[in-house]
Full PDB file with SEQRES, HELIX, SHEET, SSBOND, CRYST1, ORIGX, SCALE, CONECT and MASTER records, all heavy atoms in Angstrom:
SEQRES   1 A   37  PRO THR LEU LYS ALA PRO LEU THR ALA ASN PRO THR ALA          
SEQRES   2 A   37  LYS VAL GLY ILE VAL VAL SER ARG PHE ASN GLU LEU VAL          
SEQRES   3 A   37  THR GLU LYS LEU LEU ALA GLY ALA VAL ASP THR                  
HELIX    1 AA1 GLU A   24  ASP A   36  1                                  13    
CRYST1    1.000    1.000    1.000  90.00  90.00  90.00 P 1           1          
ORIGX1      1.000000  0.000000  0.000000        0.00000                         
ORIGX2      0.000000  1.000000  0.000000        0.00000                         
ORIGX3      0.000000  0.000000  1.000000        0.00000                         
SCALE1      1.000000  0.000000  0.000000        0.00000                         
SCALE2      0.000000  1.000000  0.000000        0.00000                         
SCALE3      0.000000  0.000000  1.000000        0.00000                         
ATOM      1  N   PRO A   1     -54.132  11.069  27.040  1.00  0.00           N  
ATOM      2  CA  PRO A   1     -52.848  11.765  27.123  1.00  0.00           C  
ATOM      3  C   PRO A   1     -52.012  11.537  25.862  1.00  0.00           C  
ATOM      4  O   PRO A   1     -51.963  10.435  25.333  1.00  0.00           O  
ATOM      5  CB  PRO A   1     -52.164  11.141  28.338  1.00  0.00           C  
ATOM      6  CG  PRO A   1     -53.149  10.253  28.982  1.00  0.00           C  
ATOM      7  CD  PRO A   1     -54.279  10.041  28.038  1.00  0.00           C  
ATOM      8  N   THR A   2     -51.363  12.595  25.439  1.00  0.00           N  
ATOM      9  CA  THR A   2     -50.530  12.532  24.240  1.00  0.00           C  
ATOM     10  C   THR A   2     -49.167  13.129  24.546  1.00  0.00           C  
ATOM     11  O   THR A   2     -49.077  14.144  25.231  1.00  0.00           O  
ATOM     12  CB  THR A   2     -51.187  13.317  23.086  1.00  0.00           C  
ATOM     13  OG1 THR A   2     -52.485  12.781  22.848  1.00  0.00           O  
ATOM     14  CG2 THR A   2     -50.363  13.226  21.824  1.00  0.00           C  
ATOM     15  N   LEU A   3     -48.143  12.501  24.030  1.00  0.00           N  
ATOM     16  CA  LEU A   3     -46.780  13.011  24.196  1.00  0.00           C  
ATOM     17  C   LEU A   3     -46.234  13.387  22.831  1.00  0.00           C  
ATOM     18  O   LEU A   3     -46.199  12.567  21.917  1.00  0.00           O  
ATOM     19  CB  LEU A   3     -45.882  11.935  24.831  1.00  0.00           C  
ATOM     20  CG  LEU A   3     -44.389  12.251  24.896  1.00  0.00           C  
ATOM     21  CD1 LEU A   3     -44.135  13.475  25.771  1.00  0.00           C  
ATOM     22  CD2 LEU A   3     -43.631  11.056  25.412  1.00  0.00           C  
ATOM     23  N   LYS A   4     -45.846  14.625  22.693  1.00  0.00           N  
ATOM     24  CA  LYS A   4     -45.187  15.089  21.479  1.00  0.00           C  
ATOM     25  C   LYS A   4     -43.926  15.817  21.916  1.00  0.00           C  
ATOM     26  O   LYS A   4     -43.980  16.849  22.573  1.00  0.00           O  
ATOM     27  CB  LYS A   4     -46.103  16.023  20.692  1.00  0.00           C  
ATOM     28  CG  LYS A   4     -45.538  16.407  19.355  1.00  0.00           C  
ATOM     29  CD  LYS A   4     -46.531  17.198  18.528  1.00  0.00           C  
ATOM     30  CE  LYS A   4     -45.920  17.550  17.197  1.00  0.00           C  
ATOM     31  NZ  LYS A   4     -46.831  18.357  16.391  1.00  0.00           N  
ATOM     32  N   ALA A   5     -42.794  15.245  21.543  1.00  0.00           N  
ATOM     33  CA  ALA A   5     -41.510  15.768  22.021  1.00  0.00           C  
ATOM     34  C   ALA A   5     -41.072  16.977  21.212  1.00  0.00           C  
ATOM     35  O   ALA A   5     -41.285  17.043  20.003  1.00  0.00           O  
ATOM     36  CB  ALA A   5     -40.451  14.681  21.936  1.00  0.00           C  
ATOM     37  N   PRO A   6     -40.439  17.941  21.888  1.00  0.00           N  
ATOM     38  CA  PRO A   6     -39.917  19.112  21.172  1.00  0.00           C  
ATOM     39  C   PRO A   6     -38.681  18.764  20.349  1.00  0.00           C  
ATOM     40  O   PRO A   6     -38.034  17.750  20.574  1.00  0.00           O  
ATOM     41  CB  PRO A   6     -39.555  20.077  22.309  1.00  0.00           C  
ATOM     42  CG  PRO A   6     -39.259  19.184  23.477  1.00  0.00           C  
ATOM     43  CD  PRO A   6     -40.173  17.999  23.324  1.00  0.00           C  
ATOM     44  N   LEU A   7     -38.366  19.625  19.410  1.00  0.00           N  
ATOM     45  CA  LEU A   7     -37.173  19.436  18.576  1.00  0.00           C  
ATOM     46  C   LEU A   7     -36.055  20.377  19.011  1.00  0.00           C  
ATOM     47  O   LEU A   7     -35.353  20.956  18.189  1.00  0.00           O  
ATOM     48  CB  LEU A   7     -37.514  19.650  17.099  1.00  0.00           C  
ATOM     49  CG  LEU A   7     -38.317  18.530  16.465  1.00  0.00           C  
ATOM     50  CD1 LEU A   7     -38.677  18.858  15.031  1.00  0.00           C  
ATOM     51  CD2 LEU A   7     -37.556  17.217  16.532  1.00  0.00           C  
ATOM     52  N   THR A   8     -35.896  20.497  20.306  1.00  0.00           N  
ATOM     53  CA  THR A   8     -34.803  21.265  20.874  1.00  0.00           C  
ATOM     54  C   THR A   8     -33.992  20.306  21.735  1.00  0.00           C  
ATOM     55  O   THR A   8     -34.549  19.602  22.573  1.00  0.00           O  
ATOM     56  CB  THR A   8     -35.329  22.422  21.747  1.00  0.00           C  
ATOM     57  OG1 THR A   8     -36.198  23.216  20.968  1.00  0.00           O  
ATOM     58  CG2 THR A   8     -34.191  23.255  22.280  1.00  0.00           C  
ATOM     59  N   ALA A   9     -32.703  20.278  21.522  1.00  0.00           N  
ATOM     60  CA  ALA A   9     -31.851  19.323  22.229  1.00  0.00           C  
ATOM     61  C   ALA A   9     -31.523  19.808  23.630  1.00  0.00           C  
ATOM     62  O   ALA A   9     -31.410  21.004  23.896  1.00  0.00           O  
ATOM     63  CB  ALA A   9     -30.567  19.106  21.448  1.00  0.00           C  
ATOM     64  N   ASN A  10     -31.341  18.857  24.510  1.00  0.00           N  
ATOM     65  CA  ASN A  10     -30.793  19.129  25.827  1.00  0.00           C  
ATOM     66  C   ASN A  10     -29.309  19.445  25.603  1.00  0.00           C  
ATOM     67  O   ASN A  10     -28.587  18.646  25.010  1.00  0.00           O  
ATOM     68  CB  ASN A  10     -30.970  17.886  26.704  1.00  0.00           C  
ATOM     69  CG  ASN A  10     -30.397  18.057  28.084  1.00  0.00           C  
ATOM     70  OD1 ASN A  10     -29.483  18.838  28.299  1.00  0.00           O  
ATOM     71  ND2 ASN A  10     -30.931  17.313  29.020  1.00  0.00           N  
ATOM     72  N   PRO A  11     -28.836  20.597  26.060  1.00  0.00           N  
ATOM     73  CA  PRO A  11     -27.434  20.970  25.789  1.00  0.00           C  
ATOM     74  C   PRO A  11     -26.404  20.063  26.456  1.00  0.00           C  
ATOM     75  O   PRO A  11     -25.221  20.139  26.140  1.00  0.00           O  
ATOM     76  CB  PRO A  11     -27.334  22.403  26.302  1.00  0.00           C  
ATOM     77  CG  PRO A  11     -28.484  22.576  27.220  1.00  0.00           C  
ATOM     78  CD  PRO A  11     -29.554  21.622  26.789  1.00  0.00           C  
ATOM     79  N   THR A  12     -26.851  19.183  27.353  1.00  0.00           N  
ATOM     80  CA  THR A  12     -25.912  18.233  27.961  1.00  0.00           C  
ATOM     81  C   THR A  12     -25.897  16.889  27.230  1.00  0.00           C  
ATOM     82  O   THR A  12     -25.125  16.006  27.604  1.00  0.00           O  
ATOM     83  CB  THR A  12     -26.246  17.998  29.448  1.00  0.00           C  
ATOM     84  OG1 THR A  12     -27.529  17.382  29.538  1.00  0.00           O  
ATOM     85  CG2 THR A  12     -26.232  19.315  30.224  1.00  0.00           C  
ATOM     86  N   ALA A  13     -26.740  16.748  26.208  1.00  0.00           N  
ATOM     87  CA  ALA A  13     -26.807  15.476  25.472  1.00  0.00           C  
ATOM     88  C   ALA A  13     -25.468  15.158  24.817  1.00  0.00           C  
ATOM     89  O   ALA A  13     -24.828  16.026  24.224  1.00  0.00           O  
ATOM     90  CB  ALA A  13     -27.905  15.549  24.410  1.00  0.00           C  
ATOM     91  N   LYS A  14     -25.076  13.901  24.937  1.00  0.00           N  
ATOM     92  CA  LYS A  14     -23.850  13.421  24.293  1.00  0.00           C  
ATOM     93  C   LYS A  14     -24.261  12.512  23.143  1.00  0.00           C  
ATOM     94  O   LYS A  14     -24.977  11.533  23.341  1.00  0.00           O  
ATOM     95  CB  LYS A  14     -22.971  12.679  25.294  1.00  0.00           C  
ATOM     96  CG  LYS A  14     -22.405  13.598  26.348  1.00  0.00           C  
ATOM     97  CD  LYS A  14     -21.485  12.874  27.285  1.00  0.00           C  
ATOM     98  CE  LYS A  14     -20.972  13.884  28.302  1.00  0.00           C  
ATOM     99  NZ  LYS A  14     -20.384  13.258  29.449  1.00  0.00           N  
ATOM    100  N   VAL A  15     -23.797  12.877  21.956  1.00  0.00           N  
ATOM    101  CA  VAL A  15     -24.216  12.193  20.742  1.00  0.00           C  
ATOM    102  C   VAL A  15     -23.013  11.567  20.052  1.00  0.00           C  
ATOM    103  O   VAL A  15     -21.974  12.208  19.897  1.00  0.00           O  
ATOM    104  CB  VAL A  15     -24.905  13.189  19.777  1.00  0.00           C  
ATOM    105  CG1 VAL A  15     -25.248  12.517  18.458  1.00  0.00           C  
ATOM    106  CG2 VAL A  15     -26.142  13.792  20.424  1.00  0.00           C  
ATOM    107  N   GLY A  16     -23.179  10.331  19.652  1.00  0.00           N  
ATOM    108  CA  GLY A  16     -22.160   9.661  18.852  1.00  0.00           C  
ATOM    109  C   GLY A  16     -22.634   9.552  17.411  1.00  0.00           C  
ATOM    110  O   GLY A  16     -23.816   9.327  17.166  1.00  0.00           O  
ATOM    111  N   ILE A  17     -21.720   9.747  16.498  1.00  0.00           N  
ATOM    112  CA  ILE A  17     -22.023   9.549  15.083  1.00  0.00           C  
ATOM    113  C   ILE A  17     -20.988   8.580  14.529  1.00  0.00           C  
ATOM    114  O   ILE A  17     -19.790   8.839  14.592  1.00  0.00           O  
ATOM    115  CB  ILE A  17     -21.985  10.867  14.284  1.00  0.00           C  
ATOM    116  CG1 ILE A  17     -22.955  11.901  14.880  1.00  0.00           C  
ATOM    117  CG2 ILE A  17     -22.337  10.600  12.821  1.00  0.00           C  
ATOM    118  CD1 ILE A  17     -22.916  13.254  14.183  1.00  0.00           C  
ATOM    119  N   VAL A  18     -21.475   7.453  14.025  1.00  0.00           N  
ATOM    120  CA  VAL A  18     -20.608   6.457  13.414  1.00  0.00           C  
ATOM    121  C   VAL A  18     -20.804   6.575  11.907  1.00  0.00           C  
ATOM    122  O   VAL A  18     -21.931   6.525  11.419  1.00  0.00           O  
ATOM    123  CB  VAL A  18     -20.956   5.036  13.906  1.00  0.00           C  
ATOM    124  CG1 VAL A  18     -19.986   4.016  13.340  1.00  0.00           C  
ATOM    125  CG2 VAL A  18     -20.953   4.984  15.421  1.00  0.00           C  
ATOM    126  N   VAL A  19     -19.695   6.762  11.166  1.00  0.00           N  
ATOM    127  CA  VAL A  19     -19.766   7.056   9.735  1.00  0.00           C  
ATOM    128  C   VAL A  19     -18.900   6.080   8.950  1.00  0.00           C  
ATOM    129  O   VAL A  19     -17.741   5.859   9.289  1.00  0.00           O  
ATOM    130  CB  VAL A  19     -19.260   8.491   9.432  1.00  0.00           C  
ATOM    131  CG1 VAL A  19     -19.585   8.879   8.002  1.00  0.00           C  
ATOM    132  CG2 VAL A  19     -19.823   9.498  10.398  1.00  0.00           C  
ATOM    133  N   SER A  20     -19.475   5.563   7.885  1.00  0.00           N  
ATOM    134  CA  SER A  20     -18.748   4.667   6.993  1.00  0.00           C  
ATOM    135  C   SER A  20     -17.873   5.459   6.030  1.00  0.00           C  
ATOM    136  O   SER A  20     -18.327   6.425   5.415  1.00  0.00           O  
ATOM    137  CB  SER A  20     -19.762   3.832   6.197  1.00  0.00           C  
ATOM    138  OG  SER A  20     -19.117   3.129   5.167  1.00  0.00           O  
ATOM    139  N   ARG A  21     -16.606   5.049   5.888  1.00  0.00           N  
ATOM    140  CA  ARG A  21     -15.712   5.669   4.905  1.00  0.00           C  
ATOM    141  C   ARG A  21     -16.041   5.228   3.482  1.00  0.00           C  
ATOM    142  O   ARG A  21     -15.763   5.940   2.536  1.00  0.00           O  
ATOM    143  CB  ARG A  21     -14.248   5.310   5.202  1.00  0.00           C  
ATOM    144  CG  ARG A  21     -13.579   6.207   6.192  1.00  0.00           C  
ATOM    145  CD  ARG A  21     -12.051   6.088   6.160  1.00  0.00           C  
ATOM    146  NE  ARG A  21     -11.528   4.781   5.844  1.00  0.00           N  
ATOM    147  CZ  ARG A  21     -11.257   3.823   6.734  1.00  0.00           C  
ATOM    148  NH1 ARG A  21     -11.491   4.034   8.003  1.00  0.00           N  
ATOM    149  NH2 ARG A  21     -10.768   2.663   6.346  1.00  0.00           N  
ATOM    150  N   PHE A  22     -16.628   4.040   3.332  1.00  0.00           N  
ATOM    151  CA  PHE A  22     -16.975   3.558   2.002  1.00  0.00           C  
ATOM    152  C   PHE A  22     -18.028   4.495   1.419  1.00  0.00           C  
ATOM    153  O   PHE A  22     -18.992   4.845   2.089  1.00  0.00           O  
ATOM    154  CB  PHE A  22     -17.506   2.118   2.073  1.00  0.00           C  
ATOM    155  CG  PHE A  22     -17.481   1.409   0.752  1.00  0.00           C  
ATOM    156  CD1 PHE A  22     -16.310   0.846   0.272  1.00  0.00           C  
ATOM    157  CD2 PHE A  22     -18.622   1.319  -0.016  1.00  0.00           C  
ATOM    158  CE1 PHE A  22     -16.278   0.191  -0.956  1.00  0.00           C  
ATOM    159  CE2 PHE A  22     -18.602   0.671  -1.242  1.00  0.00           C  
ATOM    160  CZ  PHE A  22     -17.433   0.112  -1.711  1.00  0.00           C  
ATOM    161  N   ASN A  23     -17.848   4.932   0.207  1.00  0.00           N  
ATOM    162  CA  ASN A  23     -18.686   5.953  -0.433  1.00  0.00           C  
ATOM    163  C   ASN A  23     -18.595   7.286   0.319  1.00  0.00           C  
ATOM    164  O   ASN A  23     -19.588   7.977   0.543  1.00  0.00           O  
ATOM    165  CB  ASN A  23     -20.143   5.496  -0.570  1.00  0.00           C  
ATOM    166  CG  ASN A  23     -20.294   4.389  -1.574  1.00  0.00           C  
ATOM    167  OD1 ASN A  23     -19.698   4.430  -2.646  1.00  0.00           O  
ATOM    168  ND2 ASN A  23     -21.075   3.374  -1.235  1.00  0.00           N  
ATOM    169  N   GLU A  24     -17.375   7.642   0.694  1.00  0.00           N  
ATOM    170  CA  GLU A  24     -17.123   8.840   1.491  1.00  0.00           C  
ATOM    171  C   GLU A  24     -17.594  10.124   0.814  1.00  0.00           C  
ATOM    172  O   GLU A  24     -17.956  11.085   1.488  1.00  0.00           O  
ATOM    173  CB  GLU A  24     -15.631   8.939   1.828  1.00  0.00           C  
ATOM    174  CG  GLU A  24     -15.309   9.994   2.848  1.00  0.00           C  
ATOM    175  CD  GLU A  24     -13.869   9.931   3.331  1.00  0.00           C  
ATOM    176  OE1 GLU A  24     -13.132   8.991   2.962  1.00  0.00           O  
ATOM    177  OE2 GLU A  24     -13.482  10.834   4.085  1.00  0.00           O  
ATOM    178  N   LEU A  25     -17.625  10.153  -0.494  1.00  0.00           N  
ATOM    179  CA  LEU A  25     -18.155  11.312  -1.205  1.00  0.00           C  
ATOM    180  C   LEU A  25     -19.573  11.624  -0.722  1.00  0.00           C  
ATOM    181  O   LEU A  25     -19.948  12.789  -0.574  1.00  0.00           O  
ATOM    182  CB  LEU A  25     -18.169  11.044  -2.718  1.00  0.00           C  
ATOM    183  CG  LEU A  25     -18.831  12.100  -3.608  1.00  0.00           C  
ATOM    184  CD1 LEU A  25     -18.026  13.398  -3.574  1.00  0.00           C  
ATOM    185  CD2 LEU A  25     -18.954  11.593  -5.035  1.00  0.00           C  
ATOM    186  N   VAL A  26     -20.325  10.610  -0.428  1.00  0.00           N  
ATOM    187  CA  VAL A  26     -21.695  10.757   0.058  1.00  0.00           C  
ATOM    188  C   VAL A  26     -21.731  10.896   1.578  1.00  0.00           C  
ATOM    189  O   VAL A  26     -22.394  11.786   2.119  1.00  0.00           O  
ATOM    190  CB  VAL A  26     -22.554   9.550  -0.379  1.00  0.00           C  
ATOM    191  CG1 VAL A  26     -23.950   9.618   0.225  1.00  0.00           C  
ATOM    192  CG2 VAL A  26     -22.612   9.456  -1.898  1.00  0.00           C  
ATOM    193  N   THR A  27     -20.999  10.037   2.286  1.00  0.00           N  
ATOM    194  CA  THR A  27     -21.121  10.021   3.753  1.00  0.00           C  
ATOM    195  C   THR A  27     -20.574  11.280   4.408  1.00  0.00           C  
ATOM    196  O   THR A  27     -21.067  11.682   5.462  1.00  0.00           O  
ATOM    197  CB  THR A  27     -20.460   8.762   4.360  1.00  0.00           C  
ATOM    198  OG1 THR A  27     -19.066   8.743   4.041  1.00  0.00           O  
ATOM    199  CG2 THR A  27     -21.137   7.500   3.854  1.00  0.00           C  
ATOM    200  N   GLU A  28     -19.587  11.920   3.786  1.00  0.00           N  
ATOM    201  CA  GLU A  28     -19.100  13.175   4.378  1.00  0.00           C  
ATOM    202  C   GLU A  28     -20.183  14.256   4.318  1.00  0.00           C  
ATOM    203  O   GLU A  28     -20.278  15.103   5.208  1.00  0.00           O  
ATOM    204  CB  GLU A  28     -17.799  13.634   3.734  1.00  0.00           C  
ATOM    205  CG  GLU A  28     -17.928  14.046   2.284  1.00  0.00           C  
ATOM    206  CD  GLU A  28     -16.590  14.365   1.623  1.00  0.00           C  
ATOM    207  OE1 GLU A  28     -15.537  14.249   2.265  1.00  0.00           O  
ATOM    208  OE2 GLU A  28     -16.621  14.744   0.437  1.00  0.00           O  
ATOM    209  N   LYS A  29     -21.028  14.224   3.300  1.00  0.00           N  
ATOM    210  CA  LYS A  29     -22.135  15.181   3.196  1.00  0.00           C  
ATOM    211  C   LYS A  29     -23.229  14.852   4.216  1.00  0.00           C  
ATOM    212  O   LYS A  29     -23.833  15.751   4.805  1.00  0.00           O  
ATOM    213  CB  LYS A  29     -22.718  15.177   1.784  1.00  0.00           C  
ATOM    214  CG  LYS A  29     -21.764  15.677   0.709  1.00  0.00           C  
ATOM    215  CD  LYS A  29     -22.369  15.515  -0.682  1.00  0.00           C  
ATOM    216  CE  LYS A  29     -21.416  15.765  -1.815  1.00  0.00           C  
ATOM    217  NZ  LYS A  29     -20.621  16.945  -1.757  1.00  0.00           N  
ATOM    218  N   LEU A  30     -23.487  13.557   4.423  1.00  0.00           N  
ATOM    219  CA  LEU A  30     -24.444  13.150   5.455  1.00  0.00           C  
ATOM    220  C   LEU A  30     -23.970  13.607   6.833  1.00  0.00           C  
ATOM    221  O   LEU A  30     -24.754  14.122   7.642  1.00  0.00           O  
ATOM    222  CB  LEU A  30     -24.628  11.630   5.446  1.00  0.00           C  
ATOM    223  CG  LEU A  30     -25.248  11.008   4.207  1.00  0.00           C  
ATOM    224  CD1 LEU A  30     -25.197   9.488   4.294  1.00  0.00           C  
ATOM    225  CD2 LEU A  30     -26.676  11.491   4.013  1.00  0.00           C  
ATOM    226  N   LEU A  31     -22.674  13.422   7.089  1.00  0.00           N  
ATOM    227  CA  LEU A  31     -22.097  13.842   8.367  1.00  0.00           C  
ATOM    228  C   LEU A  31     -22.227  15.347   8.560  1.00  0.00           C  
ATOM    229  O   LEU A  31     -22.631  15.810   9.632  1.00  0.00           O  
ATOM    230  CB  LEU A  31     -20.633  13.414   8.458  1.00  0.00           C  
ATOM    231  CG  LEU A  31     -19.880  13.878   9.706  1.00  0.00           C  
ATOM    232  CD1 LEU A  31     -20.522  13.331  10.970  1.00  0.00           C  
ATOM    233  CD2 LEU A  31     -18.411  13.470   9.609  1.00  0.00           C  
ATOM    234  N   ALA A  32     -21.901  16.116   7.537  1.00  0.00           N  
ATOM    235  CA  ALA A  32     -22.004  17.576   7.640  1.00  0.00           C  
ATOM    236  C   ALA A  32     -23.441  17.992   7.949  1.00  0.00           C  
ATOM    237  O   ALA A  32     -23.683  18.875   8.788  1.00  0.00           O  
ATOM    238  CB  ALA A  32     -21.519  18.230   6.352  1.00  0.00           C  
ATOM    239  N   GLY A  33     -24.412  17.359   7.304  1.00  0.00           N  
ATOM    240  CA  GLY A  33     -25.814  17.675   7.564  1.00  0.00           C  
ATOM    241  C   GLY A  33     -26.231  17.323   8.980  1.00  0.00           C  
ATOM    242  O   GLY A  33     -26.953  18.069   9.639  1.00  0.00           O  
ATOM    243  N   ALA A  34     -25.761  16.173   9.472  1.00  0.00           N  
ATOM    244  CA  ALA A  34     -26.110  15.746  10.824  1.00  0.00           C  
ATOM    245  C   ALA A  34     -25.507  16.680  11.877  1.00  0.00           C  
ATOM    246  O   ALA A  34     -26.203  17.129  12.796  1.00  0.00           O  
ATOM    247  CB  ALA A  34     -25.632  14.311  11.057  1.00  0.00           C  
ATOM    248  N   VAL A  35     -24.219  16.991  11.736  1.00  0.00           N  
ATOM    249  CA  VAL A  35     -23.555  17.855  12.719  1.00  0.00           C  
ATOM    250  C   VAL A  35     -24.172  19.250  12.718  1.00  0.00           C  
ATOM    251  O   VAL A  35     -24.463  19.816  13.781  1.00  0.00           O  
ATOM    252  CB  VAL A  35     -22.030  17.909  12.456  1.00  0.00           C  
ATOM    253  CG1 VAL A  35     -21.363  18.990  13.285  1.00  0.00           C  
ATOM    254  CG2 VAL A  35     -21.401  16.544  12.739  1.00  0.00           C  
ATOM    255  N   ASP A  36     -24.401  19.812  11.553  1.00  0.00           N  
ATOM    256  CA  ASP A  36     -25.002  21.135  11.453  1.00  0.00           C  
ATOM    257  C   ASP A  36     -26.379  21.160  12.132  1.00  0.00           C  
ATOM    258  O   ASP A  36     -26.677  22.074  12.901  1.00  0.00           O  
ATOM    259  CB  ASP A  36     -25.134  21.547   9.984  1.00  0.00           C  
ATOM    260  CG  ASP A  36     -25.785  22.908   9.826  1.00  0.00           C  
ATOM    261  OD1 ASP A  36     -25.205  23.906  10.297  1.00  0.00           O  
ATOM    262  OD2 ASP A  36     -26.900  22.965   9.245  1.00  0.00           O  
ATOM    263  N   THR A  37     -27.187  20.153  11.881  1.00  0.00           N  
ATOM    264  CA  THR A  37     -28.526  20.101  12.473  1.00  0.00           C  
ATOM    265  C   THR A  37     -28.461  19.931  13.984  1.00  0.00           C  
ATOM    266  O   THR A  37     -29.185  20.606  14.719  1.00  0.00           O  
ATOM    267  CB  THR A  37     -29.349  18.973  11.830  1.00  0.00           C  
ATOM    268  OG1 THR A  37     -29.447  19.237  10.425  1.00  0.00           O  
ATOM    269  CG2 THR A  37     -30.743  18.887  12.425  1.00  0.00           C  
TER     270      THR A  37                                                      
MASTER        0    0    0    1    0    0    0    6  269    1    0    3          
END                                                                             
């Protein structure tokens, strides 16, 4: 048996994103990429 999970989110999933302000020039771009995805 093999398990391969799909890349479609459950629409009820609750996601937290913790972001560092230090080097915000970079982390704001990481955040934008994560939220968009």
